[in-house]
């Protein structure tokens, strides 16, 4: 599946006109496919990955359309946005702790690439330049970090 990453990003970039957004959608698509991969074998992984990515683009477009038509007062008055239920915040805290444990198991470079992308929002090229490695190394580190974290989170949750 990793072999399709650059091809997918190029495909999405051509449709979205923004490489960073294309990389984000590709990452999200990989996560979705990895989440599902444990269930049954995927007969056509490339096609499934592309379909997942396109569905994410469509869902994002729909959310943006809805957000533009919904008055801000609705969001201001919706208590869900201010005070999460105690059980929900506990779950988030537990998940954050598990994620930190999973990240601690990664090599320093792998963890750094992942955090620079997901927390600081740097592009793959910016990360490569900052760390003095190739862009493909950055991409591999990020995909490996996502795989590792997903696997560990599943193991620890069960």
Protein backbone atom coordinates (compact mmCIF):
# COMPACT_ATOMS: atom_id res chain seq x y z
CA UNK A 1 0.00 0.00 0.00
CA UNK A 2 2.86 2.42 0.70
CA UNK A 3 3.83 2.18 -2.96
CA UNK A 4 0.69 4.13 -3.92
CA UNK A 5 1.32 7.08 -1.60
CA UNK A 6 3.06 9.50 -3.99
CA UNK A 7 0.76 8.55 -6.83
CA UNK A 8 -2.29 9.20 -4.63
CA UNK A 9 -0.96 12.57 -3.45
CA UNK A 10 -0.33 13.63 -7.06
CA UNK A 11 -3.82 12.49 -8.04
CA UNK A 12 -5.42 14.42 -5.16
CA UNK A 13 -3.24 17.48 -5.73
CA UNK A 14 -4.44 17.65 -9.34
CA UNK A 15 -8.04 17.64 -8.13
CA UNK A 16 -7.69 19.85 -5.07
CA UNK A 17 -5.02 22.28 -6.25
CA UNK A 18 -3.26 22.22 -2.87
CA UNK A 19 -0.47 19.76 -2.13
CA UNK A 20 -0.71 20.05 1.66
CA UNK A 21 -4.46 19.35 1.62
CA UNK A 22 -3.78 16.46 -0.76
CA UNK A 23 -1.22 15.02 1.68
CA UNK A 24 -3.69 15.37 4.57
CA UNK A 25 -6.41 13.56 2.62
CA UNK A 26 -3.94 10.82 1.62
CA UNK A 27 -2.94 10.36 5.28
CA UNK A 28 -6.56 10.17 6.35
CA UNK A 29 -7.29 7.66 3.58
CA UNK A 30 -4.38 5.48 4.70
CA UNK A 31 -5.64 5.57 8.28
CA UNK A 32 -9.15 4.56 7.17
CA UNK A 33 -7.80 1.71 5.04
CA UNK A 34 -5.50 0.54 7.84
CA UNK A 35 -8.43 0.56 10.27
CA UNK A 36 -10.42 -1.63 7.92
CA UNK A 37 -7.52 -3.85 6.83
CA UNK A 38 -7.82 -6.05 9.93
CA UNK A 39 -11.33 -7.19 9.00
CA UNK A 40 -11.11 -8.85 5.59
CA UNK A 41 -8.47 -8.89 2.90
CA UNK A 42 -8.92 -6.03 0.46
CA UNK A 43 -9.20 -7.48 -3.01
CA UNK A 44 -8.00 -4.37 -4.91
CA UNK A 45 -6.03 -2.24 -2.42
CA UNK A 46 -5.11 0.54 -4.87
CA UNK A 47 -8.70 1.02 -6.01
CA UNK A 48 -9.96 0.84 -2.42
CA UNK A 49 -7.42 3.46 -1.32
CA UNK A 50 -8.37 5.81 -4.15
CA UNK A 51 -12.10 5.37 -3.51
CA UNK A 52 -11.55 6.06 0.19
CA UNK A 53 -9.58 9.22 -0.61
CA UNK A 54 -12.23 10.47 -3.04
CA UNK A 55 -14.95 9.81 -0.47
CA UNK A 56 -12.98 11.88 2.06
CA UNK A 57 -12.74 14.74 -0.46
CA UNK A 58 -16.48 14.56 -1.11
CA UNK A 59 -17.27 14.42 2.64
CA UNK A 60 -15.01 17.41 3.26
CA UNK A 61 -16.71 19.37 0.51
CA UNK A 62 -20.15 18.57 1.95
CA UNK A 63 -19.05 19.62 5.45
CA UNK A 64 -17.72 22.91 4.09
CA UNK A 65 -20.99 23.54 2.25
CA UNK A 66 -23.00 22.81 5.40
CA UNK A 67 -20.71 24.95 7.54
CA UNK A 68 -21.12 27.90 5.18
CA UNK A 69 -24.92 27.68 5.31
CA UNK A 70 -25.27 27.15 9.08
CA UNK A 71 -25.54 30.34 11.15
CA UNK A 72 -22.85 30.83 13.80
CA UNK A 73 -25.50 31.27 16.50
CA UNK A 74 -26.30 27.57 16.23
CA UNK A 75 -22.69 26.71 17.11
CA UNK A 76 -22.58 29.34 19.89
CA UNK A 77 -25.65 27.86 21.58
CA UNK A 78 -24.73 24.21 21.19
CA UNK A 79 -23.44 22.97 24.56
CA UNK A 80 -21.67 19.99 22.97
CA UNK A 81 -18.97 22.40 21.78
CA UNK A 82 -18.29 23.71 25.30
CA UNK A 83 -18.51 20.87 27.79
CA UNK A 84 -17.86 17.30 26.73
CA UNK A 85 -19.44 14.59 28.80
CA UNK A 86 -17.13 13.33 31.59
CA UNK A 87 -16.98 9.85 30.04
CA UNK A 88 -16.07 11.33 26.66
CA UNK A 89 -13.22 13.47 28.03
CA UNK A 90 -11.92 10.52 30.04
CA UNK A 91 -11.84 8.46 26.86
CA UNK A 92 -9.98 11.23 25.08
CA UNK A 93 -7.46 11.48 27.93
CA UNK A 94 -6.95 7.72 27.91
CA UNK A 95 -6.54 7.70 24.13
CA UNK A 96 -4.04 10.56 24.34
CA UNK A 97 -2.02 8.64 26.93
CA UNK A 98 -2.05 5.50 24.74
CA UNK A 99 -1.01 7.56 21.73
CA UNK A 100 1.89 9.05 23.69
CA UNK A 101 2.99 5.55 24.71
CA UNK A 102 2.82 4.37 21.08
CA UNK A 103 4.80 7.39 19.87
CA UNK A 104 7.44 6.78 22.56
CA UNK A 105 8.09 3.35 21.00
CA UNK A 106 9.05 4.86 17.64
CA UNK A 107 12.55 5.85 16.59
CA UNK A 108 13.34 9.51 17.11
CA UNK A 109 13.29 10.41 13.41
CA UNK A 110 10.03 8.55 12.77
CA UNK A 111 8.33 10.22 15.75
CA UNK A 112 9.71 13.66 14.82
CA UNK A 113 8.45 13.41 11.22
CA UNK A 114 5.00 12.40 12.43
CA UNK A 115 4.78 15.17 15.04
CA UNK A 116 6.09 17.86 12.70
CA UNK A 117 3.41 16.90 10.19
CA UNK A 118 0.46 16.31 12.50
CA UNK A 119 1.10 18.89 15.23
CA UNK A 120 2.96 21.65 13.42
CA UNK A 121 1.38 21.10 10.01
CA UNK A 122 4.66 21.24 8.11
CA UNK A 123 4.73 19.92 4.55
CA UNK A 124 6.76 16.84 3.73
CA UNK A 125 9.29 19.02 1.91
CA UNK A 126 9.67 21.36 4.92
CA UNK A 127 10.20 18.39 7.24
CA UNK A 128 12.76 16.87 4.85
CA UNK A 129 14.71 20.12 4.74
CA UNK A 130 14.54 20.62 8.50
CA UNK A 131 15.70 17.07 9.24
CA UNK A 132 18.19 16.78 6.39
CA UNK A 133 16.58 13.70 4.83
CA UNK A 134 14.79 13.01 1.55
CA UNK A 135 11.11 13.62 1.11
CA UNK A 136 10.49 9.91 0.53
CA UNK A 137 12.10 9.11 3.90
CA UNK A 138 9.74 11.59 5.54
CA UNK A 139 6.74 9.99 3.81
CA UNK A 140 7.82 6.50 4.89
CA UNK A 141 8.34 7.63 8.48
CA UNK A 142 4.88 9.20 8.62
CA UNK A 143 3.14 6.16 7.14
CA UNK A 144 5.09 3.82 9.46
CA UNK A 145 4.21 5.97 12.48
CA UNK A 146 0.53 5.89 11.55
CA UNK A 147 0.62 2.11 11.11
CA UNK A 148 2.42 1.60 14.40
CA UNK A 149 0.12 3.89 16.37
CA UNK A 150 -3.01 2.34 14.85
CA UNK A 151 -1.79 -1.18 15.66
CA UNK A 152 -0.80 -0.33 19.23
CA UNK A 153 -4.04 1.54 19.90
CA UNK A 154 -6.00 -1.49 18.69
CA UNK A 155 -3.91 -3.88 20.80
CA UNK A 156 -4.20 -1.80 23.96
CA UNK A 157 -7.94 -1.12 23.48
CA UNK A 158 -8.74 -4.83 23.47
